[in-house]
Amino acid sequence: MAKSLPKNLLQRIISAIALALPALASIQFGEPYFNIFIAVLGVLMAWEWSRLCQGKLQAGGIVLILFIGLIPFLPISGLALQEAILVAPVICALLFALAQRQNGRILFSVGVLYLALPICAFIFLRNSLENGVEFVYWLVLVVVATDTGGYGFGLTIGGPKMAPRISPKKTWAGLLGGMLCACIMGIGMSHLFDWNEPFFVGAFSALLAIVAQIGDLFESHVKRTFNVKDSSNIIPGHGGVLDRMDGMLTAGAAFAGIILMSNGHILSWF
């Protein structure tokens, strides 16, 4: 059965617009503004992850915040993003040793890679590729279309739950709706940017919608593990930064990874 609209819908819309303006501006103007914006998001997500997995901010959380916050500034300082990837396993081991809550130490340490890889991915996509601004616009809007379509289709159609033990509100109708909206967004942006293969970009966008949903489910699993509803309450009507960026993290890391693994050949579609 379809559900009614949430009471805080207006608040959610206002918050989304307030977040979108600096995000889109940073994407448009690029380095160093994009790096600064990503660093701010990274610091907030690292803080939320620390509180989520450890209950409160402790020494390990401070290490995580500093490490994640510094990554976007590596290229500006003349260092390569690969430096962060090489150091990440060491930081993982350090967080594992510093963890105070024993049942959360594995997830806490995994958080280094969970946050570092997508941050490196977005810096790489925006600043290292010739048409990076277009790719980041497309990626962000595809994930937004996925979330919006999933929410709208799930709310109006309902039906069988996709993963009731992890995220009781997510339905298969919502997943298909998110994929459809992502596909339409991909095709539309292909025509807007005059890309080479709109059909393939649309199909790829639908696949990234699945990846984004996996990221959403992963964060929901972590919150359920620690019996937490939202990663924080920093965004009125939405919860935390992680709650809004979970799908973006996995989709961004996946897209950058596919570019590197294909030696850039996938970019011939764009």
C-alpha atoms as a PDB file:
ATOM      1  CA  MET A   1       0.000   0.000   0.000  1.00  0.00           C
ATOM      2  CA  ALA A   2       1.271   3.470  -0.850  1.00  0.00           C
ATOM      3  CA  LYS A   3       2.279   5.662   2.088  1.00  0.00           C
ATOM      4  CA  SER A   4       1.526   9.330   2.684  1.00  0.00           C
ATOM      5  CA  LEU A   5       4.145  12.038   2.261  1.00  0.00           C
ATOM      6  CA  PRO A   6       6.377  12.633   5.302  1.00  0.00           C
ATOM      7  CA  LYS A   7       5.570  15.595   7.521  1.00  0.00           C
ATOM      8  CA  ASN A   8       9.087  17.021   7.156  1.00  0.00           C
ATOM      9  CA  LEU A   9       9.055  16.980   3.344  1.00  0.00           C
ATOM     10  CA  LEU A  10       9.370  20.783   3.062  1.00  0.00           C
ATOM     11  CA  GLN A  11      12.283  20.770   5.492  1.00  0.00           C
ATOM     12  CA  ARG A  12      13.979  18.022   3.462  1.00  0.00           C
ATOM     13  CA  ILE A  13      13.558  20.013   0.239  1.00  0.00           C
ATOM     14  CA  ILE A  14      14.959  23.210   1.769  1.00  0.00           C
ATOM     15  CA  SER A  15      17.950  21.348   3.206  1.00  0.00           C
ATOM     16  CA  ALA A  16      18.602  19.623  -0.123  1.00  0.00           C
ATOM     17  CA  ILE A  17      18.621  22.966  -1.970  1.00  0.00           C
ATOM     18  CA  ALA A  18      20.916  24.508   0.651  1.00  0.00           C
ATOM     19  CA  LEU A  19      23.364  21.625   0.190  1.00  0.00           C
ATOM     20  CA  ALA A  20      23.113  21.591  -3.594  1.00  0.00           C
ATOM     21  CA  LEU A  21      24.191  25.219  -4.092  1.00  0.00           C
ATOM     22  CA  PRO A  22      27.735  24.964  -2.628  1.00  0.00           C
ATOM     23  CA  ALA A  23      28.128  21.460  -4.064  1.00  0.00           C
ATOM     24  CA  LEU A  24      27.345  22.548  -7.621  1.00  0.00           C
ATOM     25  CA  ALA A  25      29.455  25.690  -7.279  1.00  0.00           C
ATOM     26  CA  SER A  26      32.482  23.702  -6.101  1.00  0.00           C
ATOM     27  CA  ILE A  27      32.087  21.226  -8.968  1.00  0.00           C
ATOM     28  CA  GLN A  28      31.899  24.069 -11.475  1.00  0.00           C
ATOM     29  CA  PHE A  29      34.925  26.020 -10.211  1.00  0.00           C
ATOM     30  CA  GLY A  30      37.102  22.971  -9.476  1.00  0.00           C
ATOM     31  CA  GLU A  31      40.404  23.120  -7.645  1.00  0.00           C
ATOM     32  CA  PRO A  32      40.904  24.320  -4.932  1.00  0.00           C
ATOM     33  CA  TYR A  33      37.205  24.943  -4.162  1.00  0.00           C
ATOM     34  CA  PHE A  34      36.151  21.397  -4.989  1.00  0.00           C
ATOM     35  CA  ASN A  35      38.984  20.012  -2.857  1.00  0.00           C
ATOM     36  CA  ILE A  36      37.947  22.175   0.077  1.00  0.00           C
ATOM     37  CA  PHE A  37      34.307  21.141  -0.250  1.00  0.00           C
ATOM     38  CA  ILE A  38      35.246  17.442  -0.408  1.00  0.00           C
ATOM     39  CA  ALA A  39      37.529  17.902   2.606  1.00  0.00           C
ATOM     40  CA  VAL A  40      34.669  19.400   4.641  1.00  0.00           C
ATOM     41  CA  LEU A  41      32.385  16.509   3.685  1.00  0.00           C
ATOM     42  CA  GLY A  42      35.155  14.032   4.481  1.00  0.00           C
ATOM     43  CA  VAL A  43      35.781  15.480   7.930  1.00  0.00           C
ATOM     44  CA  LEU A  44      32.061  15.400   8.769  1.00  0.00           C
ATOM     45  CA  MET A  45      31.691  11.823   7.512  1.00  0.00           C
ATOM     46  CA  ALA A  46      34.781  10.707   9.447  1.00  0.00           C
ATOM     47  CA  TRP A  47      33.356  12.301  12.583  1.00  0.00           C
ATOM     48  CA  GLU A  48      30.025  10.555  12.040  1.00  0.00           C
ATOM     49  CA  TRP A  49      31.685   7.222  11.323  1.00  0.00           C
ATOM     50  CA  SER A  50      33.730   7.481  14.528  1.00  0.00           C
ATOM     51  CA  ARG A  51      30.663   8.223  16.643  1.00  0.00           C
ATOM     52  CA  LEU A  52      28.695   5.507  14.862  1.00  0.00           C
ATOM     53  CA  CYS A  53      31.247   2.740  15.400  1.00  0.00           C
ATOM     54  CA  GLN A  54      32.737   3.857  18.718  1.00  0.00           C
ATOM     55  CA  GLY A  55      29.889   5.670  20.442  1.00  0.00           C
ATOM     56  CA  LYS A  56      31.867   8.890  20.894  1.00  0.00           C
ATOM     57  CA  LEU A  57      34.846  10.706  19.425  1.00  0.00           C
ATOM     58  CA  GLN A  58      38.105   9.283  20.763  1.00  0.00           C
ATOM     59  CA  ALA A  59      41.783   9.183  19.765  1.00  0.00           C
ATOM     60  CA  GLY A  60      41.147   6.849  16.824  1.00  0.00           C
ATOM     61  CA  GLY A  61      38.396   9.115  15.572  1.00  0.00           C
ATOM     62  CA  ILE A  62      40.709  12.129  15.606  1.00  0.00           C
ATOM     63  CA  VAL A  63      43.264  10.160  13.565  1.00  0.00           C
ATOM     64  CA  LEU A  64      40.547   9.218  11.058  1.00  0.00           C
ATOM     65  CA  ILE A  65      39.316  12.812  10.772  1.00  0.00           C
ATOM     66  CA  LEU A  66      42.828  14.171  10.208  1.00  0.00           C
ATOM     67  CA  PHE A  67      43.687  11.523   7.609  1.00  0.00           C
ATOM     68  CA  ILE A  68      40.461  11.889   5.628  1.00  0.00           C
ATOM     69  CA  GLY A  69      40.524  15.681   5.860  1.00  0.00           C
ATOM     70  CA  LEU A  70      44.059  15.896   4.466  1.00  0.00           C
ATOM     71  CA  ILE A  71      43.510  13.685   1.388  1.00  0.00           C
ATOM     72  CA  PRO A  72      41.880  16.337  -0.842  1.00  0.00           C
ATOM     73  CA  PHE A  73      44.842  18.666  -0.268  1.00  0.00           C
ATOM     74  CA  LEU A  74      47.498  16.184  -1.428  1.00  0.00           C
ATOM     75  CA  PRO A  75      47.290  17.230  -5.118  1.00  0.00           C
ATOM     76  CA  ILE A  76      47.401  20.911  -4.148  1.00  0.00           C
ATOM     77  CA  SER A  77      50.572  20.192  -2.146  1.00  0.00           C
ATOM     78  CA  GLY A  78      52.203  18.450  -5.090  1.00  0.00           C
ATOM     79  CA  LEU A  79      51.640  14.918  -3.783  1.00  0.00           C
ATOM     80  CA  ALA A  80      49.775  12.113  -5.520  1.00  0.00           C
ATOM     81  CA  LEU A  81      46.482  10.637  -4.336  1.00  0.00           C
ATOM     82  CA  GLN A  82      48.194   7.248  -4.442  1.00  0.00           C
ATOM     83  CA  GLU A  83      50.109   8.309  -1.339  1.00  0.00           C
ATOM     84  CA  ALA A  84      46.858   8.204   0.633  1.00  0.00           C
ATOM     85  CA  ILE A  85      45.993   4.750  -0.729  1.00  0.00           C
ATOM     86  CA  LEU A  86      49.414   3.422   0.285  1.00  0.00           C
ATOM     87  CA  VAL A  87      49.109   4.842   3.794  1.00  0.00           C
ATOM     88  CA  ALA A  88      45.485   3.756   4.277  1.00  0.00           C
ATOM     89  CA  PRO A  89      46.262   0.149   5.434  1.00  0.00           C
ATOM     90  CA  VAL A  90      48.558   1.540   8.120  1.00  0.00           C
ATOM     91  CA  ILE A  91      45.800   3.871   9.328  1.00  0.00           C
ATOM     92  CA  CYS A  92      43.385   0.909   9.310  1.00  0.00           C
ATOM     93  CA  ALA A  93      45.706  -1.047  11.607  1.00  0.00           C
ATOM     94  CA  LEU A  94      46.155   1.976  13.860  1.00  0.00           C
ATOM     95  CA  LEU A  95      42.404   2.503  14.225  1.00  0.00           C
ATOM     96  CA  PHE A  96      41.927  -1.185  14.970  1.00  0.00           C
ATOM     97  CA  ALA A  97      44.447  -0.874  17.811  1.00  0.00           C
ATOM     98  CA  LEU A  98      42.972   2.377  19.130  1.00  0.00           C
ATOM     99  CA  ALA A  99      39.334   1.237  19.051  1.00  0.00           C
ATOM    100  CA  GLN A 100      37.673   1.402  22.468  1.00  0.00           C
ATOM    101  CA  ARG A 101      34.480  -0.464  21.584  1.00  0.00           C
ATOM    102  CA  GLN A 102      35.514  -4.031  20.804  1.00  0.00           C
ATOM    103  CA  ASN A 103      32.432  -5.003  18.793  1.00  0.00           C
ATOM    104  CA  GLY A 104      32.921  -2.037  16.468  1.00  0.00           C
ATOM    105  CA  ARG A 105      36.656  -2.094  15.898  1.00  0.00           C
ATOM    106  CA  ILE A 106      36.577  -3.933  12.539  1.00  0.00           C
ATOM    107  CA  LEU A 107      33.971  -1.630  11.017  1.00  0.00           C
ATOM    108  CA  PHE A 108      35.727   1.368  12.532  1.00  0.00           C
ATOM    109  CA  SER A 109      39.025   0.470  10.872  1.00  0.00           C
ATOM    110  CA  VAL A 110      37.321  -0.423   7.568  1.00  0.00           C
ATOM    111  CA  GLY A 111      35.973   3.108   7.581  1.00  0.00           C
ATOM    112  CA  VAL A 112      39.395   4.344   6.443  1.00  0.00           C
ATOM    113  CA  LEU A 113      38.975   2.665   3.057  1.00  0.00           C
ATOM    114  CA  TYR A 114      35.223   3.290   2.998  1.00  0.00           C
ATOM    115  CA  LEU A 115      35.872   7.036   3.063  1.00  0.00           C
ATOM    116  CA  ALA A 116      39.349   7.406   1.546  1.00  0.00           C
ATOM    117  CA  LEU A 117      38.693   5.557  -1.718  1.00  0.00           C
ATOM    118  CA  PRO A 118      35.608   7.594  -2.742  1.00  0.00           C
ATOM    119  CA  ILE A 119      37.289  10.860  -1.771  1.00  0.00           C
ATOM    120  CA  CYS A 120      40.285   9.999  -3.937  1.00  0.00           C
ATOM    121  CA  ALA A 121      37.862   8.951  -6.665  1.00  0.00           C
ATOM    122  CA  PHE A 122      35.997  12.264  -6.749  1.00  0.00           C
ATOM    123  CA  ILE A 123      39.204  14.318  -6.706  1.00  0.00           C
ATOM    124  CA  PHE A 124      40.508  12.156  -9.562  1.00  0.00           C
ATOM    125  CA  LEU A 125      37.287  12.452 -11.577  1.00  0.00           C
ATOM    126  CA  ARG A 126      36.992  16.233 -11.240  1.00  0.00           C
ATOM    127  CA  ASN A 127      40.598  17.349 -11.447  1.00  0.00           C
ATOM    128  CA  SER A 128      42.463  14.687 -13.429  1.00  0.00           C
ATOM    129  CA  LEU A 129      40.143  14.039 -16.384  1.00  0.00           C
ATOM    130  CA  GLU A 130      39.741  16.366 -19.348  1.00  0.00           C
ATOM    131  CA  ASN A 131      35.957  16.649 -19.004  1.00  0.00           C
ATOM    132  CA  GLY A 132      35.944  16.039 -15.277  1.00  0.00           C
ATOM    133  CA  VAL A 133      33.338  18.676 -14.491  1.00  0.00           C
ATOM    134  CA  GLU A 134      30.838  16.926 -16.780  1.00  0.00           C
ATOM    135  CA  PHE A 135      31.571  13.509 -15.274  1.00  0.00           C
ATOM    136  CA  VAL A 136      31.045  14.721 -11.712  1.00  0.00           C
ATOM    137  CA  TYR A 137      27.830  16.555 -12.616  1.00  0.00           C
ATOM    138  CA  TRP A 138      26.560  13.393 -14.305  1.00  0.00           C
ATOM    139  CA  LEU A 139      27.573  11.111 -11.428  1.00  0.00           C
ATOM    140  CA  VAL A 140      26.038  13.321  -8.750  1.00  0.00           C
ATOM    141  CA  LEU A 141      22.775  13.807 -10.639  1.00  0.00           C
ATOM    142  CA  VAL A 142      22.502  10.100 -11.474  1.00  0.00           C
ATOM    143  CA  VAL A 143      22.761   9.235  -7.766  1.00  0.00           C
ATOM    144  CA  VAL A 144      20.265  11.982  -6.886  1.00  0.00           C
ATOM    145  CA  ALA A 145      17.907  10.583  -9.549  1.00  0.00           C
ATOM    146  CA  THR A 146      18.391   7.115  -8.064  1.00  0.00           C
ATOM    147  CA  ASP A 147      17.502   8.292  -4.565  1.00  0.00           C
ATOM    148  CA  THR A 148      14.572  10.394  -5.769  1.00  0.00           C
ATOM    149  CA  GLY A 149      13.200   7.659  -8.025  1.00  0.00           C
ATOM    150  CA  GLY A 150      13.650   5.020  -5.370  1.00  0.00           C
ATOM    151  CA  TYR A 151      11.873   7.165  -2.804  1.00  0.00           C
ATOM    152  CA  GLY A 152       9.039   8.132  -5.131  1.00  0.00           C
ATOM    153  CA  PHE A 153       8.387   4.680  -6.591  1.00  0.00           C
ATOM    154  CA  GLY A 154       8.747   3.009  -3.212  1.00  0.00           C
ATOM    155  CA  LEU A 155       6.342   5.481  -1.626  1.00  0.00           C
ATOM    156  CA  THR A 156       3.654   5.255  -4.306  1.00  0.00           C
ATOM    157  CA  ILE A 157       3.909   1.598  -5.308  1.00  0.00           C
ATOM    158  CA  GLY A 158       5.249  -0.129  -2.216  1.00  0.00           C
ATOM    159  CA  GLY A 159       5.329  -3.893  -2.615  1.00  0.00           C
ATOM    160  CA  PRO A 160       7.876  -6.503  -1.526  1.00  0.00           C
ATOM    161  CA  LYS A 161      10.771  -5.349   0.612  1.00  0.00           C
ATOM    162  CA  MET A 162      14.257  -5.569  -0.821  1.00  0.00           C
ATOM    163  CA  ALA A 163      16.183  -6.133   2.434  1.00  0.00           C
ATOM    164  CA  PRO A 164      13.725  -5.944   5.346  1.00  0.00           C
ATOM    165  CA  ARG A 165      16.277  -6.841   8.016  1.00  0.00           C
ATOM    166  CA  ILE A 166      18.667  -4.113   6.891  1.00  0.00           C
ATOM    167  CA  SER A 167      16.417  -1.337   5.580  1.00  0.00           C
ATOM    168  CA  PRO A 168      12.698  -2.051   6.085  1.00  0.00           C
ATOM    169  CA  LYS A 169      11.526   0.853   3.916  1.00  0.00           C
ATOM    170  CA  LYS A 170      13.360  -0.133   0.722  1.00  0.00           C
ATOM    171  CA  THR A 171      11.350  -2.044  -1.867  1.00  0.00           C
ATOM    172  CA  TRP A 172      12.092  -3.729  -5.176  1.00  0.00           C
ATOM    173  CA  ALA A 173       9.776  -1.200  -6.818  1.00  0.00           C
ATOM    174  CA  GLY A 174      11.966   1.546  -5.391  1.00  0.00           C
ATOM    175  CA  LEU A 175      15.113  -0.086  -6.791  1.00  0.00           C
ATOM    176  CA  LEU A 176      13.601  -0.425 -10.270  1.00  0.00           C
ATOM    177  CA  GLY A 177      12.263   3.125 -10.095  1.00  0.00           C
ATOM    178  CA  GLY A 178      15.684   4.395  -9.093  1.00  0.00           C
ATOM    179  CA  MET A 179      17.315   2.532 -11.981  1.00  0.00           C
ATOM    180  CA  LEU A 180      14.758   3.930 -14.422  1.00  0.00           C
ATOM    181  CA  CYS A 181      15.280   7.505 -13.242  1.00  0.00           C
ATOM    182  CA  ALA A 182      19.065   7.054 -13.318  1.00  0.00           C
ATOM    183  CA  CYS A 183      18.849   5.753 -16.890  1.00  0.00           C
ATOM    184  CA  ILE A 184      16.711   8.702 -17.999  1.00  0.00           C
ATOM    185  CA  MET A 185      19.080  11.124 -16.282  1.00  0.00           C
ATOM    186  CA  GLY A 186      22.081   9.493 -17.962  1.00  0.00           C
ATOM    187  CA  ILE A 187      20.524   9.696 -21.418  1.00  0.00           C
ATOM    188  CA  GLY A 188      19.406  13.276 -20.841  1.00  0.00           C
ATOM    189  CA  MET A 189      22.847  14.411 -19.723  1.00  0.00           C
ATOM    190  CA  SER A 190      24.451  12.578 -22.639  1.00  0.00           C
ATOM    191  CA  HIS A 191      22.449  14.772 -25.012  1.00  0.00           C
ATOM    192  CA  LEU A 192      23.136  17.869 -22.916  1.00  0.00           C
ATOM    193  CA  PHE A 193      26.906  17.320 -23.039  1.00  0.00           C
ATOM    194  CA  ASP A 194      26.838  15.890 -26.572  1.00  0.00           C
ATOM    195  CA  TRP A 195      28.399  12.599 -25.493  1.00  0.00           C
ATOM    196  CA  ASN A 196      29.049   9.789 -27.968  1.00  0.00           C
ATOM    197  CA  GLU A 197      26.835   6.932 -26.770  1.00  0.00           C
ATOM    198  CA  PRO A 198      23.682   8.082 -24.913  1.00  0.00           C
ATOM    199  CA  PHE A 199      22.190   4.556 -24.841  1.00  0.00           C
ATOM    200  CA  PHE A 200      25.269   3.024 -23.225  1.00  0.00           C
ATOM    201  CA  VAL A 201      25.615   5.909 -20.783  1.00  0.00           C
ATOM    202  CA  GLY A 202      21.945   5.427 -19.824  1.00  0.00           C
ATOM    203  CA  ALA A 203      22.431   1.694 -19.282  1.00  0.00           C
ATOM    204  CA  PHE A 204      25.620   2.339 -17.308  1.00  0.00           C
ATOM    205  CA  SER A 205      23.759   4.905 -15.197  1.00  0.00           C
ATOM    206  CA  ALA A 206      21.149   2.256 -14.337  1.00  0.00           C
ATOM    207  CA  LEU A 207      23.937  -0.099 -13.236  1.00  0.00           C
ATOM    208  CA  LEU A 208      25.471   2.638 -11.089  1.00  0.00           C
ATOM    209  CA  ALA A 209      22.042   3.018  -9.472  1.00  0.00           C
ATOM    210  CA  ILE A 210      22.407  -0.560  -8.216  1.00  0.00           C
ATOM    211  CA  VAL A 211      25.889   0.256  -6.881  1.00  0.00           C
ATOM    212  CA  ALA A 212      24.491   3.333  -5.128  1.00  0.00           C
ATOM    213  CA  GLN A 213      21.742   1.229  -3.539  1.00  0.00           C
ATOM    214  CA  ILE A 214      24.367  -1.234  -2.296  1.00  0.00           C
ATOM    215  CA  GLY A 215      26.160   1.665  -0.641  1.00  0.00           C
ATOM    216  CA  ASP A 216      22.908   2.788   0.925  1.00  0.00           C
ATOM    217  CA  LEU A 217      22.251  -0.708   2.251  1.00  0.00           C
ATOM    218  CA  PHE A 218      25.775  -1.002   3.636  1.00  0.00           C
ATOM    219  CA  GLU A 219      25.399   2.157   5.688  1.00  0.00           C
ATOM    220  CA  SER A 220      21.959   0.997   6.829  1.00  0.00           C
ATOM    221  CA  HIS A 221      23.546  -2.292   7.936  1.00  0.00           C
ATOM    222  CA  VAL A 222      26.173  -0.434   9.951  1.00  0.00           C
ATOM    223  CA  LYS A 223      23.556   1.780  11.618  1.00  0.00           C
ATOM    224  CA  ARG A 224      21.414  -1.249  12.431  1.00  0.00           C
ATOM    225  CA  THR A 225      24.478  -3.010  13.875  1.00  0.00           C
ATOM    226  CA  PHE A 226      24.897  -0.204  16.391  1.00  0.00           C
ATOM    227  CA  ASN A 227      21.150   0.464  16.776  1.00  0.00           C
ATOM    228  CA  VAL A 228      21.397   4.015  15.424  1.00  0.00           C
ATOM    229  CA  LYS A 229      18.715   5.671  13.280  1.00  0.00           C
ATOM    230  CA  ASP A 230      20.826   8.402  11.638  1.00  0.00           C
ATOM    231  CA  SER A 231      24.581   8.925  11.373  1.00  0.00           C
ATOM    232  CA  SER A 232      23.981  12.365  12.971  1.00  0.00           C
ATOM    233  CA  ASN A 233      21.373  15.148  12.907  1.00  0.00           C
ATOM    234  CA  ILE A 234      23.547  17.742  11.207  1.00  0.00           C
ATOM    235  CA  ILE A 235      21.257  18.103   8.157  1.00  0.00           C
ATOM    236  CA  PRO A 236      17.680  19.085   9.114  1.00  0.00           C
ATOM    237  CA  GLY A 237      15.185  16.563   7.769  1.00  0.00           C
ATOM    238  CA  HIS A 238      17.867  14.257   6.380  1.00  0.00           C
ATOM    239  CA  GLY A 239      20.027  13.102   9.272  1.00  0.00           C
ATOM    240  CA  GLY A 240      23.775  13.012   8.722  1.00  0.00           C
ATOM    241  CA  VAL A 241      26.176  13.582   5.854  1.00  0.00           C
ATOM    242  CA  LEU A 242      26.773   9.833   5.594  1.00  0.00           C
ATOM    243  CA  ASP A 243      23.035   9.298   5.265  1.00  0.00           C
ATOM    244  CA  ARG A 244      23.038  11.502   2.162  1.00  0.00           C
ATOM    245  CA  MET A 245      26.402  10.445   0.726  1.00  0.00           C
ATOM    246  CA  ASP A 246      26.268   6.660   1.190  1.00  0.00           C
ATOM    247  CA  GLY A 247      25.216   5.917  -2.395  1.00  0.00           C
ATOM    248  CA  MET A 248      27.497   8.638  -3.761  1.00  0.00           C
ATOM    249  CA  LEU A 249      30.522   7.048  -2.073  1.00  0.00           C
ATOM    250  CA  THR A 250      30.120   3.637  -3.664  1.00  0.00           C
ATOM    251  CA  ALA A 251      29.067   4.978  -7.074  1.00  0.00           C
ATOM    252  CA  GLY A 252      32.013   7.392  -7.234  1.00  0.00           C
ATOM    253  CA  ALA A 253      34.540   4.743  -6.210  1.00  0.00           C
ATOM    254  CA  ALA A 254      33.051   2.273  -8.710  1.00  0.00           C
ATOM    255  CA  PHE A 255      33.144   4.716 -11.621  1.00  0.00           C
ATOM    256  CA  ALA A 256      36.740   5.768 -10.957  1.00  0.00           C
ATOM    257  CA  GLY A 257      37.751   2.126 -10.507  1.00  0.00           C
ATOM    258  CA  ILE A 258      36.163   1.126 -13.821  1.00  0.00           C
ATOM    259  CA  ILE A 259      37.973   3.965 -15.609  1.00  0.00           C
ATOM    260  CA  LEU A 260      41.309   2.812 -14.217  1.00  0.00           C
ATOM    261  CA  MET A 261      40.671  -0.902 -14.820  1.00  0.00           C
ATOM    262  CA  SER A 262      39.565  -0.258 -18.405  1.00  0.00           C
ATOM    263  CA  ASN A 263      42.565   2.011 -18.964  1.00  0.00           C
ATOM    264  CA  GLY A 264      40.130   4.795 -19.780  1.00  0.00           C
ATOM    265  CA  HIS A 265      38.381   2.962 -22.610  1.00  0.00           C
ATOM    266  CA  ILE A 266      34.967   3.360 -20.998  1.00  0.00           C
ATOM    267  CA  LEU A 267      35.322   7.098 -21.490  1.00  0.00           C
ATOM    268  CA  SER A 268      34.838   6.565 -25.226  1.00  0.00           C
ATOM    269  CA  TRP A 269      31.101   6.403 -24.424  1.00  0.00           C
ATOM    270  CA  PHE A 270      31.244   9.956 -23.116  1.00  0.00           C
END
